[in-house]
Amino acid sequence: MTTMREVAAAAGVSAKTVSRVFNDDPHVTPETRARVEVALRQLNYVPNAVATTFRTGRSPVVGIAVPDIVDPFFAAIAKSVGRLATQHGMSTVVTSLGEDMQKEADVVGRLLSQSLSGLIIAPVAAEHAYLEPWKDRLPIVFVDRRPVRVAADSFTEDDRGGALMATRHLVEHGHRRIAFVSDTPDLPTSHSRLLGYRAALAEAGIGENPDYEVHGAVDRGSAAGVLRKLIELAEPPTAIMSSNARSSMALVPALREHGLAIVGFGDFPMADMLDPAMTVVDQDPYALGTLAAQRVFDRLGHPGRRYRRRTVLPVTLVERASCRAGRR
């Protein structure tokens, strides 16, 4: 394995200068930087992770905490973070937070006890003050959901705007009785999307119907129960705005029987292969993960630099066929 001293000898500089170039020290002259970077590439230098740990007091590892690593959306975030971490000579460790908001602090605390270099989290808890003691020790970046009661970077999507767009699209296809279905009302993403749904109804002059706002679609069984509850109403809905991909996937089997139109918030594997193919509000989990990881490395490389704390990514509507079904 190439050492820093060998790179220094090849570039005609000191090992300290090589270290400064590798860590992006702005006080290195452009000519010296270019010479060292050529030597780094030619000798294929890889930093010694153990030495890095001793020098910084942190492991060359980025922690990723998401509700469910099996969920395609969060799996895509973790994959994109891992890809960028590899480019920076680091590895990742991923953990599932589950659904119990009360356990999040313990799960994340165990993760942070590994002396991570950074943390990327999509929380399930309602507030995150438990991270306050950690925020000055390492970069913490929130994805998909904003931090509450702690100052941290966040990269989220336009939840309200996306739900408004999805519901408006169903209205444009002639639907007036549109239900809102989610897995849980407790998450800020669900709440924001519910507000967008309501805003679209108000825009179209459609009154809100509390019976059409249903939560608890977390798997096939519960989704079937939710749909049955809606179908048995005196005036059942003709269309559904599904709050997330998890609920959308759970609803698919039951939808075949009842034939309601649907637009789902969040794409998922094989959504375009269903019959009818599902219209979705398309998020970009790869962009979320990449931006979050980049912010971690930016803060590690440039302590004290000011960055925009909150970034909201736009979403787009991908029209397929499911929004045209079910109209009566």
C-alpha atoms as a PDB file:
ATOM      1  CA  MET A   1       0.000   0.000   0.000  1.00  0.00           C
ATOM      2  CA  THR A   2       1.351   3.427  -0.954  1.00  0.00           C
ATOM      3  CA  THR A   3       2.269   5.631   1.994  1.00  0.00           C
ATOM      4  CA  MET A   4       1.933   9.407   2.320  1.00  0.00           C
ATOM      5  CA  ARG A   5       5.716   9.671   2.498  1.00  0.00           C
ATOM      6  CA  GLU A   6       6.036   7.950  -0.896  1.00  0.00           C
ATOM      7  CA  VAL A   7       3.546  10.399  -2.394  1.00  0.00           C
ATOM      8  CA  ALA A   8       5.508  13.279  -0.845  1.00  0.00           C
ATOM      9  CA  ALA A   9       8.773  11.987  -2.349  1.00  0.00           C
ATOM     10  CA  ALA A  10       7.206  11.635  -5.791  1.00  0.00           C
ATOM     11  CA  ALA A  11       5.794  15.176  -5.654  1.00  0.00           C
ATOM     12  CA  GLY A  12       8.896  16.713  -4.102  1.00  0.00           C
ATOM     13  CA  VAL A  13       7.063  18.055  -1.044  1.00  0.00           C
ATOM     14  CA  SER A  14       6.718  17.171   2.640  1.00  0.00           C
ATOM     15  CA  ALA A  15       4.294  14.567   3.970  1.00  0.00           C
ATOM     16  CA  LYS A  16       2.516  17.417   5.785  1.00  0.00           C
ATOM     17  CA  THR A  17       1.875  19.151   2.467  1.00  0.00           C
ATOM     18  CA  VAL A  18       0.420  15.947   1.032  1.00  0.00           C
ATOM     19  CA  SER A  19      -1.885  15.739   4.028  1.00  0.00           C
ATOM     20  CA  ARG A  20      -2.974  19.347   3.530  1.00  0.00           C
ATOM     21  CA  VAL A  21      -3.764  18.713  -0.141  1.00  0.00           C
ATOM     22  CA  PHE A  22      -5.633  15.533   0.639  1.00  0.00           C
ATOM     23  CA  ASN A  23      -7.739  17.368   3.236  1.00  0.00           C
ATOM     24  CA  ASP A  24      -8.398  20.279   0.841  1.00  0.00           C
ATOM     25  CA  ASP A  25      -6.483  22.900   2.796  1.00  0.00           C
ATOM     26  CA  PRO A  26      -7.029  26.220   0.939  1.00  0.00           C
ATOM     27  CA  HIS A  27      -3.546  27.513   1.871  1.00  0.00           C
ATOM     28  CA  VAL A  28      -1.703  25.242  -0.582  1.00  0.00           C
ATOM     29  CA  THR A  29      -0.581  26.974  -3.801  1.00  0.00           C
ATOM     30  CA  PRO A  30      -2.283  25.790  -7.026  1.00  0.00           C
ATOM     31  CA  GLU A  31       1.027  24.613  -8.506  1.00  0.00           C
ATOM     32  CA  THR A  32       1.896  22.503  -5.451  1.00  0.00           C
ATOM     33  CA  ARG A  33      -1.658  21.141  -5.254  1.00  0.00           C
ATOM     34  CA  ALA A  34      -1.576  20.059  -8.894  1.00  0.00           C
ATOM     35  CA  ARG A  35       1.790  18.306  -8.429  1.00  0.00           C
ATOM     36  CA  VAL A  36       0.584  16.441  -5.346  1.00  0.00           C
ATOM     37  CA  GLU A  37      -2.710  15.437  -6.971  1.00  0.00           C
ATOM     38  CA  VAL A  38      -0.808  13.930  -9.927  1.00  0.00           C
ATOM     39  CA  ALA A  39       1.308  11.898  -7.512  1.00  0.00           C
ATOM     40  CA  LEU A  40      -1.772  10.792  -5.579  1.00  0.00           C
ATOM     41  CA  ARG A  41      -3.390   9.501  -8.771  1.00  0.00           C
ATOM     42  CA  GLN A  42      -0.265   7.877 -10.185  1.00  0.00           C
ATOM     43  CA  LEU A  43       0.497   6.021  -6.967  1.00  0.00           C
ATOM     44  CA  ASN A  44      -3.192   5.230  -6.306  1.00  0.00           C
ATOM     45  CA  TYR A  45      -2.915   6.510  -2.736  1.00  0.00           C
ATOM     46  CA  VAL A  46      -5.604   5.338  -0.300  1.00  0.00           C
ATOM     47  CA  PRO A  47      -5.707   6.940   3.191  1.00  0.00           C
ATOM     48  CA  ASN A  48      -5.077   4.727   6.163  1.00  0.00           C
ATOM     49  CA  ALA A  49      -8.453   4.492   7.901  1.00  0.00           C
ATOM     50  CA  VAL A  50      -6.915   3.582  11.244  1.00  0.00           C
ATOM     51  CA  ALA A  51      -4.616   6.596  11.137  1.00  0.00           C
ATOM     52  CA  THR A  52      -7.549   8.798  10.172  1.00  0.00           C
ATOM     53  CA  THR A  53      -9.495   7.543  13.157  1.00  0.00           C
ATOM     54  CA  PHE A  54      -6.650   8.299  15.561  1.00  0.00           C
ATOM     55  CA  ARG A  55      -6.104  11.759  14.070  1.00  0.00           C
ATOM     56  CA  THR A  56      -9.728  12.943  14.077  1.00  0.00           C
ATOM     57  CA  GLY A  57     -11.180  10.829  16.866  1.00  0.00           C
ATOM     58  CA  ARG A  58     -13.854   9.629  14.439  1.00  0.00           C
ATOM     59  CA  SER A  59     -14.242   6.443  12.448  1.00  0.00           C
ATOM     60  CA  PRO A  60     -14.228   6.851   8.631  1.00  0.00           C
ATOM     61  CA  VAL A  61     -17.874   5.756   8.638  1.00  0.00           C
ATOM     62  CA  VAL A  62     -21.114   7.576   7.823  1.00  0.00           C
ATOM     63  CA  GLY A  63     -24.169   6.368   9.711  1.00  0.00           C
ATOM     64  CA  ILE A  64     -27.537   6.104   7.966  1.00  0.00           C
ATOM     65  CA  ALA A  65     -30.725   5.782  10.019  1.00  0.00           C
ATOM     66  CA  VAL A  66     -33.996   5.251   8.143  1.00  0.00           C
ATOM     67  CA  PRO A  67     -37.426   3.887   9.120  1.00  0.00           C
ATOM     68  CA  ASP A  68     -37.048   0.691   7.077  1.00  0.00           C
ATOM     69  CA  ILE A  69     -34.036  -0.331   4.995  1.00  0.00           C
ATOM     70  CA  VAL A  70     -36.258  -2.695   2.957  1.00  0.00           C
ATOM     71  CA  ASP A  71     -38.441   0.204   1.764  1.00  0.00           C
ATOM     72  CA  PRO A  72     -37.326   0.925  -1.848  1.00  0.00           C
ATOM     73  CA  PHE A  73     -37.296   4.685  -1.213  1.00  0.00           C
ATOM     74  CA  PHE A  74     -34.992   4.521   1.809  1.00  0.00           C
ATOM     75  CA  ALA A  75     -32.906   1.758   0.256  1.00  0.00           C
ATOM     76  CA  ALA A  76     -32.216   4.086  -2.686  1.00  0.00           C
ATOM     77  CA  ILE A  77     -31.143   6.851  -0.304  1.00  0.00           C
ATOM     78  CA  ALA A  78     -28.763   4.483   1.500  1.00  0.00           C
ATOM     79  CA  LYS A  79     -27.341   3.237  -1.805  1.00  0.00           C
ATOM     80  CA  SER A  80     -26.582   6.739  -3.073  1.00  0.00           C
ATOM     81  CA  VAL A  81     -24.963   7.703   0.245  1.00  0.00           C
ATOM     82  CA  GLY A  82     -22.815   4.570   0.095  1.00  0.00           C
ATOM     83  CA  ARG A  83     -21.689   5.327  -3.431  1.00  0.00           C
ATOM     84  CA  LEU A  84     -20.474   8.814  -2.521  1.00  0.00           C
ATOM     85  CA  ALA A  85     -18.929   7.611   0.734  1.00  0.00           C
ATOM     86  CA  THR A  86     -16.838   5.100  -1.214  1.00  0.00           C
ATOM     87  CA  GLN A  87     -15.545   7.901  -3.402  1.00  0.00           C
ATOM     88  CA  HIS A  88     -14.409   9.689  -0.239  1.00  0.00           C
ATOM     89  CA  GLY A  89     -12.666   6.632   1.172  1.00  0.00           C
ATOM     90  CA  MET A  90     -15.346   5.962   3.762  1.00  0.00           C
ATOM     91  CA  SER A  91     -17.852   3.226   4.466  1.00  0.00           C
ATOM     92  CA  THR A  92     -21.427   3.326   5.725  1.00  0.00           C
ATOM     93  CA  VAL A  93     -23.446   1.579   8.397  1.00  0.00           C
ATOM     94  CA  VAL A  94     -27.229   1.460   8.006  1.00  0.00           C
ATOM     95  CA  THR A  95     -29.849   0.860  10.688  1.00  0.00           C
ATOM     96  CA  SER A  96     -33.649   0.651  10.673  1.00  0.00           C
ATOM     97  CA  LEU A  97     -35.480   2.867  13.145  1.00  0.00           C
ATOM     98  CA  GLY A  98     -38.743   0.930  12.959  1.00  0.00           C
ATOM     99  CA  GLU A  99     -42.082   2.558  13.717  1.00  0.00           C
ATOM    100  CA  ASP A 100     -41.841   3.183  17.454  1.00  0.00           C
ATOM    101  CA  MET A 101     -41.114   6.893  17.869  1.00  0.00           C
ATOM    102  CA  GLN A 102     -40.111   6.378  21.508  1.00  0.00           C
ATOM    103  CA  LYS A 103     -37.245   4.059  20.576  1.00  0.00           C
ATOM    104  CA  GLU A 104     -35.589   6.293  18.014  1.00  0.00           C
ATOM    105  CA  ALA A 105     -33.296   8.096  20.471  1.00  0.00           C
ATOM    106  CA  ASP A 106     -31.939   4.795  21.803  1.00  0.00           C
ATOM    107  CA  VAL A 107     -31.365   3.324  18.338  1.00  0.00           C
ATOM    108  CA  VAL A 108     -29.613   6.455  17.066  1.00  0.00           C
ATOM    109  CA  GLY A 109     -27.629   6.770  20.296  1.00  0.00           C
ATOM    110  CA  ARG A 110     -26.179   3.298  19.812  1.00  0.00           C
ATOM    111  CA  LEU A 111     -25.259   4.213  16.258  1.00  0.00           C
ATOM    112  CA  LEU A 112     -23.572   7.448  17.323  1.00  0.00           C
ATOM    113  CA  SER A 113     -21.588   5.633  20.016  1.00  0.00           C
ATOM    114  CA  GLN A 114     -19.462   4.188  17.192  1.00  0.00           C
ATOM    115  CA  SER A 115     -17.702   7.583  16.779  1.00  0.00           C
ATOM    116  CA  LEU A 116     -19.095   8.200  13.315  1.00  0.00           C
ATOM    117  CA  SER A 117     -17.816  10.885  10.982  1.00  0.00           C
ATOM    118  CA  GLY A 118     -21.362  11.896  10.068  1.00  0.00           C
ATOM    119  CA  LEU A 119     -25.027  10.918  10.388  1.00  0.00           C
ATOM    120  CA  ILE A 120     -27.793  10.962   7.790  1.00  0.00           C
ATOM    121  CA  ILE A 121     -31.249  10.354   9.252  1.00  0.00           C
ATOM    122  CA  ALA A 122     -34.854  10.063   8.103  1.00  0.00           C
ATOM    123  CA  PRO A 123     -36.496  10.165  11.547  1.00  0.00           C
ATOM    124  CA  VAL A 124     -39.735   8.675  12.804  1.00  0.00           C
ATOM    125  CA  ALA A 125     -39.828  10.628  16.081  1.00  0.00           C
ATOM    126  CA  ALA A 126     -41.864  13.832  16.390  1.00  0.00           C
ATOM    127  CA  GLU A 127     -38.931  15.841  17.750  1.00  0.00           C
ATOM    128  CA  HIS A 128     -35.179  15.400  17.806  1.00  0.00           C
ATOM    129  CA  ALA A 129     -33.776  17.363  20.747  1.00  0.00           C
ATOM    130  CA  TYR A 130     -31.913  14.203  21.794  1.00  0.00           C
ATOM    131  CA  LEU A 131     -29.425  15.032  19.004  1.00  0.00           C
ATOM    132  CA  GLU A 132     -28.552  18.416  20.514  1.00  0.00           C
ATOM    133  CA  PRO A 133     -25.440  17.122  22.367  1.00  0.00           C
ATOM    134  CA  TRP A 134     -24.153  15.613  19.116  1.00  0.00           C
ATOM    135  CA  LYS A 135     -24.702  18.406  16.595  1.00  0.00           C
ATOM    136  CA  ASP A 136     -21.376  20.114  17.313  1.00  0.00           C
ATOM    137  CA  ARG A 137     -19.421  16.851  17.292  1.00  0.00           C
ATOM    138  CA  LEU A 138     -20.257  15.644  13.781  1.00  0.00           C
ATOM    139  CA  PRO A 139     -22.320  16.675  10.741  1.00  0.00           C
ATOM    140  CA  ILE A 140     -25.972  15.597  11.031  1.00  0.00           C
ATOM    141  CA  VAL A 141     -28.168  15.769   7.942  1.00  0.00           C
ATOM    142  CA  PHE A 142     -31.901  15.025   7.805  1.00  0.00           C
ATOM    143  CA  VAL A 143     -33.477  13.556   4.666  1.00  0.00           C
ATOM    144  CA  ASP A 144     -37.155  13.341   3.679  1.00  0.00           C
ATOM    145  CA  ARG A 145     -38.185  14.883   7.031  1.00  0.00           C
ATOM    146  CA  ARG A 146     -37.158  18.131   8.684  1.00  0.00           C
ATOM    147  CA  PRO A 147     -35.483  18.370  12.087  1.00  0.00           C
ATOM    148  CA  VAL A 148     -37.574  19.530  15.023  1.00  0.00           C
ATOM    149  CA  ARG A 149     -35.998  21.155  18.104  1.00  0.00           C
ATOM    150  CA  VAL A 150     -32.450  20.728  16.817  1.00  0.00           C
ATOM    151  CA  ALA A 151     -30.480  22.765  14.280  1.00  0.00           C
ATOM    152  CA  ALA A 152     -29.354  20.539  11.412  1.00  0.00           C
ATOM    153  CA  ASP A 153     -29.179  20.446   7.639  1.00  0.00           C
ATOM    154  CA  SER A 154     -32.135  18.929   5.806  1.00  0.00           C
ATOM    155  CA  PHE A 155     -33.004  17.844   2.283  1.00  0.00           C
ATOM    156  CA  THR A 156     -36.721  17.216   1.780  1.00  0.00           C
ATOM    157  CA  GLU A 157     -39.265  17.099  -1.036  1.00  0.00           C
ATOM    158  CA  ASP A 158     -42.176  19.415  -1.781  1.00  0.00           C
ATOM    159  CA  ASP A 159     -44.702  17.260   0.071  1.00  0.00           C
ATOM    160  CA  ARG A 160     -47.571  19.736   0.101  1.00  0.00           C
ATOM    161  CA  GLY A 161     -47.053  20.793  -3.507  1.00  0.00           C
ATOM    162  CA  GLY A 162     -46.791  17.208  -4.704  1.00  0.00           C
ATOM    163  CA  ALA A 163     -50.014  16.143  -2.987  1.00  0.00           C
ATOM    164  CA  LEU A 164     -51.801  19.219  -4.334  1.00  0.00           C
ATOM    165  CA  MET A 165     -50.595  18.329  -7.833  1.00  0.00           C
ATOM    166  CA  ALA A 166     -51.699  14.687  -7.470  1.00  0.00           C
ATOM    167  CA  THR A 167     -55.175  15.534  -6.160  1.00  0.00           C
ATOM    168  CA  ARG A 168     -55.625  18.289  -8.730  1.00  0.00           C
ATOM    169  CA  HIS A 169     -54.782  15.736 -11.426  1.00  0.00           C
ATOM    170  CA  LEU A 170     -57.553  13.432 -10.227  1.00  0.00           C
ATOM    171  CA  VAL A 171     -59.990  16.340 -10.242  1.00  0.00           C
ATOM    172  CA  GLU A 172     -58.990  17.111 -13.834  1.00  0.00           C
ATOM    173  CA  HIS A 173     -59.935  13.518 -14.721  1.00  0.00           C
ATOM    174  CA  GLY A 174     -63.466  14.143 -13.454  1.00  0.00           C
ATOM    175  CA  HIS A 175     -63.215  12.797  -9.915  1.00  0.00           C
ATOM    176  CA  ARG A 176     -65.070  14.659  -7.160  1.00  0.00           C
ATOM    177  CA  ARG A 177     -65.063  12.037  -4.431  1.00  0.00           C
ATOM    178  CA  ILE A 178     -61.372  11.588  -3.664  1.00  0.00           C
ATOM    179  CA  ALA A 179     -60.040   9.832  -0.568  1.00  0.00           C
ATOM    180  CA  PHE A 180     -56.695  10.383   1.152  1.00  0.00           C
ATOM    181  CA  VAL A 181     -54.990   7.206   2.404  1.00  0.00           C
ATOM    182  CA  SER A 182     -51.762   6.998   4.417  1.00  0.00           C
ATOM    183  CA  ASP A 183     -49.947   4.618   6.731  1.00  0.00           C
ATOM    184  CA  THR A 184     -49.710   6.997   9.698  1.00  0.00           C
ATOM    185  CA  PRO A 185     -50.861  10.572  10.352  1.00  0.00           C
ATOM    186  CA  ASP A 186     -48.022  11.237  12.817  1.00  0.00           C
ATOM    187  CA  LEU A 187     -45.224  11.931  10.345  1.00  0.00           C
ATOM    188  CA  PRO A 188     -44.697  15.495   9.101  1.00  0.00           C
ATOM    189  CA  THR A 189     -44.597  14.201   5.529  1.00  0.00           C
ATOM    190  CA  SER A 190     -48.090  12.712   5.922  1.00  0.00           C
ATOM    191  CA  HIS A 191     -49.394  15.930   7.473  1.00  0.00           C
ATOM    192  CA  SER A 192     -47.955  18.126   4.711  1.00  0.00           C
ATOM    193  CA  ARG A 193     -49.381  15.861   2.011  1.00  0.00           C
ATOM    194  CA  LEU A 194     -52.773  15.909   3.714  1.00  0.00           C
ATOM    195  CA  LEU A 195     -52.673  19.713   3.618  1.00  0.00           C
ATOM    196  CA  GLY A 196     -51.860  19.601  -0.099  1.00  0.00           C
ATOM    197  CA  TYR A 197     -54.770  17.212  -0.707  1.00  0.00           C
ATOM    198  CA  ARG A 198     -57.150  19.513   1.160  1.00  0.00           C
ATOM    199  CA  ALA A 199     -55.870  22.553  -0.709  1.00  0.00           C
ATOM    200  CA  ALA A 200     -56.614  20.893  -4.064  1.00  0.00           C
ATOM    201  CA  LEU A 201     -60.153  20.065  -2.963  1.00  0.00           C
ATOM    202  CA  ALA A 202     -60.738  23.651  -1.831  1.00  0.00           C
ATOM    203  CA  GLU A 203     -59.338  24.937  -5.120  1.00  0.00           C
ATOM    204  CA  ALA A 204     -61.864  22.786  -6.998  1.00  0.00           C
ATOM    205  CA  GLY A 205     -64.764  23.813  -4.751  1.00  0.00           C
ATOM    206  CA  ILE A 206     -65.047  20.314  -3.246  1.00  0.00           C
ATOM    207  CA  GLY A 207     -65.893  20.178   0.442  1.00  0.00           C
ATOM    208  CA  GLU A 208     -63.753  18.132   2.802  1.00  0.00           C
ATOM    209  CA  ASN A 209     -65.192  14.826   3.969  1.00  0.00           C
ATOM    210  CA  PRO A 210     -63.542  13.442   7.156  1.00  0.00           C
ATOM    211  CA  ASP A 211     -64.698   9.953   6.166  1.00  0.00           C
ATOM    212  CA  TYR A 212     -62.451  10.166   3.125  1.00  0.00           C
ATOM    213  CA  GLU A 213     -59.291  10.755   5.186  1.00  0.00           C
ATOM    214  CA  VAL A 214     -58.160   7.316   6.324  1.00  0.00           C
ATOM    215  CA  HIS A 215     -54.890   6.132   7.875  1.00  0.00           C
ATOM    216  CA  GLY A 216     -53.453   2.734   8.736  1.00  0.00           C
ATOM    217  CA  ALA A 217     -52.617   1.255   5.308  1.00  0.00           C
ATOM    218  CA  VAL A 218     -49.307  -0.350   6.290  1.00  0.00           C
ATOM    219  CA  ASP A 219     -49.603  -3.835   4.734  1.00  0.00           C
ATOM    220  CA  ARG A 220     -51.984  -5.867   2.572  1.00  0.00           C
ATOM    221  CA  GLY A 221     -54.352  -6.766   5.381  1.00  0.00           C
ATOM    222  CA  SER A 222     -54.688  -3.278   6.831  1.00  0.00           C
ATOM    223  CA  ALA A 223     -54.898  -1.703   3.364  1.00  0.00           C
ATOM    224  CA  ALA A 224     -57.732  -4.064   2.431  1.00  0.00           C
ATOM    225  CA  GLY A 225     -59.545  -3.002   5.608  1.00  0.00           C
ATOM    226  CA  VAL A 226     -59.036   0.677   4.807  1.00  0.00           C
ATOM    227  CA  LEU A 227     -60.375   0.218   1.287  1.00  0.00           C
ATOM    228  CA  ARG A 228     -63.342  -1.807   2.521  1.00  0.00           C
ATOM    229  CA  LYS A 229     -64.213   0.986   4.951  1.00  0.00           C
ATOM    230  CA  LEU A 230     -64.216   3.486   2.102  1.00  0.00           C
ATOM    231  CA  ILE A 231     -66.223   1.297  -0.290  1.00  0.00           C
ATOM    232  CA  GLU A 232     -68.933   0.733   2.332  1.00  0.00           C
ATOM    233  CA  LEU A 233     -69.622   4.457   2.703  1.00  0.00           C
ATOM    234  CA  ALA A 234     -73.012   5.705   1.447  1.00  0.00           C
ATOM    235  CA  GLU A 235     -71.092   7.692  -1.171  1.00  0.00           C
ATOM    236  CA  PRO A 236     -67.838   5.820  -1.692  1.00  0.00           C
ATOM    237  CA  PRO A 237     -64.904   7.604  -3.314  1.00  0.00           C
ATOM    238  CA  THR A 238     -64.043   7.030  -6.936  1.00  0.00           C
ATOM    239  CA  ALA A 239     -60.361   7.835  -6.504  1.00  0.00           C
ATOM    240  CA  ILE A 240     -57.556   7.707  -3.928  1.00  0.00           C
ATOM    241  CA  MET A 241     -54.595   9.957  -3.295  1.00  0.00           C
ATOM    242  CA  SER A 242     -52.112   7.618  -1.584  1.00  0.00           C
ATOM    243  CA  SER A 243     -49.703   9.401   0.755  1.00  0.00           C
ATOM    244  CA  ASN A 244     -46.622   7.236   0.149  1.00  0.00           C
ATOM    245  CA  ALA A 245     -45.237   4.261  -1.738  1.00  0.00           C
ATOM    246  CA  ARG A 246     -45.681   1.951   1.230  1.00  0.00           C
ATOM    247  CA  SER A 247     -49.427   2.541   1.303  1.00  0.00           C
ATOM    248  CA  SER A 248     -49.650   2.424  -2.487  1.00  0.00           C
ATOM    249  CA  MET A 249     -47.997  -1.006  -2.651  1.00  0.00           C
ATOM    250  CA  ALA A 250     -50.226  -2.286   0.152  1.00  0.00           C
ATOM    251  CA  LEU A 251     -53.343  -1.059  -1.678  1.00  0.00           C
ATOM    252  CA  VAL A 252     -52.554  -2.712  -5.024  1.00  0.00           C
ATOM    253  CA  PRO A 253     -54.158  -6.154  -4.389  1.00  0.00           C
ATOM    254  CA  ALA A 254     -57.399  -4.673  -3.036  1.00  0.00           C
ATOM    255  CA  LEU A 255     -57.627  -2.106  -5.817  1.00  0.00           C
ATOM    256  CA  ARG A 256     -57.941  -4.881  -8.379  1.00  0.00           C
ATOM    257  CA  GLU A 257     -61.263  -5.859  -6.870  1.00  0.00           C
ATOM    258  CA  HIS A 258     -62.738  -2.388  -6.514  1.00  0.00           C
ATOM    259  CA  GLY A 259     -61.249  -0.593  -9.508  1.00  0.00           C
ATOM    260  CA  LEU A 260     -60.745   2.833  -7.950  1.00  0.00           C
ATOM    261  CA  ALA A 261     -58.488   5.386  -9.579  1.00  0.00           C
ATOM    262  CA  ILE A 262     -55.290   6.185  -7.698  1.00  0.00           C
ATOM    263  CA  VAL A 263     -52.329   8.509  -7.712  1.00  0.00           C
ATOM    264  CA  GLY A 264     -49.512   7.559  -5.341  1.00  0.00           C
ATOM    265  CA  PHE A 265     -46.943   9.837  -3.735  1.00  0.00           C
ATOM    266  CA  GLY A 266     -43.646   8.150  -4.535  1.00  0.00           C
ATOM    267  CA  ASP A 267     -42.747   5.722  -7.300  1.00  0.00           C
ATOM    268  CA  PHE A 268     -41.850   2.118  -6.541  1.00  0.00           C
ATOM    269  CA  PRO A 269     -40.518  -0.921  -8.456  1.00  0.00           C
ATOM    270  CA  MET A 270     -42.973  -2.351 -10.977  1.00  0.00           C
ATOM    271  CA  ALA A 271     -45.488   0.487 -10.529  1.00  0.00           C
ATOM    272  CA  ASP A 272     -45.312   1.026 -14.287  1.00  0.00           C
ATOM    273  CA  MET A 273     -45.996  -2.687 -14.904  1.00  0.00           C
ATOM    274  CA  LEU A 274     -49.294  -2.871 -13.016  1.00  0.00           C
ATOM    275  CA  ASP A 275     -52.603  -3.066 -14.849  1.00  0.00           C
ATOM    276  CA  PRO A 276     -53.433  -0.245 -14.900  1.00  0.00           C
ATOM    277  CA  ALA A 277     -49.970   1.231 -14.411  1.00  0.00           C
ATOM    278  CA  MET A 278     -49.918   3.542 -11.406  1.00  0.00           C
ATOM    279  CA  THR A 279     -49.682   7.297 -11.810  1.00  0.00           C
ATOM    280  CA  VAL A 280     -47.242   8.666  -9.228  1.00  0.00           C
ATOM    281  CA  VAL A 281     -45.696  11.803  -7.827  1.00  0.00           C
ATOM    282  CA  ASP A 282     -42.069  10.998  -8.507  1.00  0.00           C
ATOM    283  CA  GLN A 283     -39.520  11.725  -5.807  1.00  0.00           C
ATOM    284  CA  ASP A 284     -35.779  11.406  -6.318  1.00  0.00           C
ATOM    285  CA  PRO A 285     -34.303   9.404  -3.412  1.00  0.00           C
ATOM    286  CA  TYR A 286     -30.946   9.154  -5.183  1.00  0.00           C
ATOM    287  CA  ALA A 287     -30.681  12.944  -5.297  1.00  0.00           C
ATOM    288  CA  LEU A 288     -31.685  13.178  -1.638  1.00  0.00           C
ATOM    289  CA  GLY A 289     -29.010  10.702  -0.584  1.00  0.00           C
ATOM    290  CA  THR A 290     -26.332  12.243  -2.776  1.00  0.00           C
ATOM    291  CA  LEU A 291     -27.023  15.782  -1.557  1.00  0.00           C
ATOM    292  CA  ALA A 292     -27.119  14.655   2.069  1.00  0.00           C
ATOM    293  CA  ALA A 293     -23.823  12.785   1.773  1.00  0.00           C
ATOM    294  CA  GLN A 294     -22.201  15.689  -0.040  1.00  0.00           C
ATOM    295  CA  ARG A 295     -23.239  18.015   2.771  1.00  0.00           C
ATOM    296  CA  VAL A 296     -21.636  15.680   5.324  1.00  0.00           C
ATOM    297  CA  PHE A 297     -18.348  15.719   3.414  1.00  0.00           C
ATOM    298  CA  ASP A 298     -18.557  19.472   2.805  1.00  0.00           C
ATOM    299  CA  ARG A 299     -18.910  20.108   6.533  1.00  0.00           C
ATOM    300  CA  LEU A 300     -16.096  17.695   7.350  1.00  0.00           C
ATOM    301  CA  GLY A 301     -13.808  19.377   4.842  1.00  0.00           C
ATOM    302  CA  HIS A 302     -14.782  22.949   5.663  1.00  0.00           C
ATOM    303  CA  PRO A 303     -15.689  23.313   9.352  1.00  0.00           C
ATOM    304  CA  GLY A 304     -17.395  26.599  10.099  1.00  0.00           C
ATOM    305  CA  ARG A 305     -18.444  27.365   6.523  1.00  0.00           C
ATOM    306  CA  ARG A 306     -22.031  28.593   6.210  1.00  0.00           C
ATOM    307  CA  TYR A 307     -24.460  26.513   4.167  1.00  0.00           C
ATOM    308  CA  ARG A 308     -28.139  26.753   3.406  1.00  0.00           C
ATOM    309  CA  ARG A 309     -29.761  24.734   6.187  1.00  0.00           C
ATOM    310  CA  ARG A 310     -32.985  23.669   4.470  1.00  0.00           C
ATOM    311  CA  THR A 311     -33.287  22.533   0.878  1.00  0.00           C
ATOM    312  CA  VAL A 312     -36.615  21.470  -0.656  1.00  0.00           C
ATOM    313  CA  LEU A 313     -36.426  19.406  -3.835  1.00  0.00           C
ATOM    314  CA  PRO A 314     -39.198  19.630  -6.445  1.00  0.00           C
ATOM    315  CA  VAL A 315     -41.319  16.616  -7.381  1.00  0.00           C
ATOM    316  CA  THR A 316     -42.920  15.694 -10.699  1.00  0.00           C
ATOM    317  CA  LEU A 317     -46.086  13.922 -11.768  1.00  0.00           C
ATOM    318  CA  VAL A 318     -45.627  10.786 -13.861  1.00  0.00           C
ATOM    319  CA  GLU A 319     -48.962  10.063 -15.542  1.00  0.00           C
ATOM    320  CA  ARG A 320     -49.758   6.475 -16.343  1.00  0.00           C
ATOM    321  CA  ALA A 321     -53.215   4.889 -16.455  1.00  0.00           C
ATOM    322  CA  SER A 322     -54.466   4.491 -12.883  1.00  0.00           C
ATOM    323  CA  CYS A 323     -55.701   8.075 -12.598  1.00  0.00           C
ATOM    324  CA  ARG A 324     -58.247   7.385 -15.368  1.00  0.00           C
ATOM    325  CA  ALA A 325     -59.826   4.323 -13.714  1.00  0.00           C
ATOM    326  CA  GLY A 326     -62.834   4.168 -11.421  1.00  0.00           C
ATOM    327  CA  ARG A 327     -64.799   7.253 -12.487  1.00  0.00           C
ATOM    328  CA  ARG A 328     -68.497   6.813 -11.938  1.00  0.00           C
END
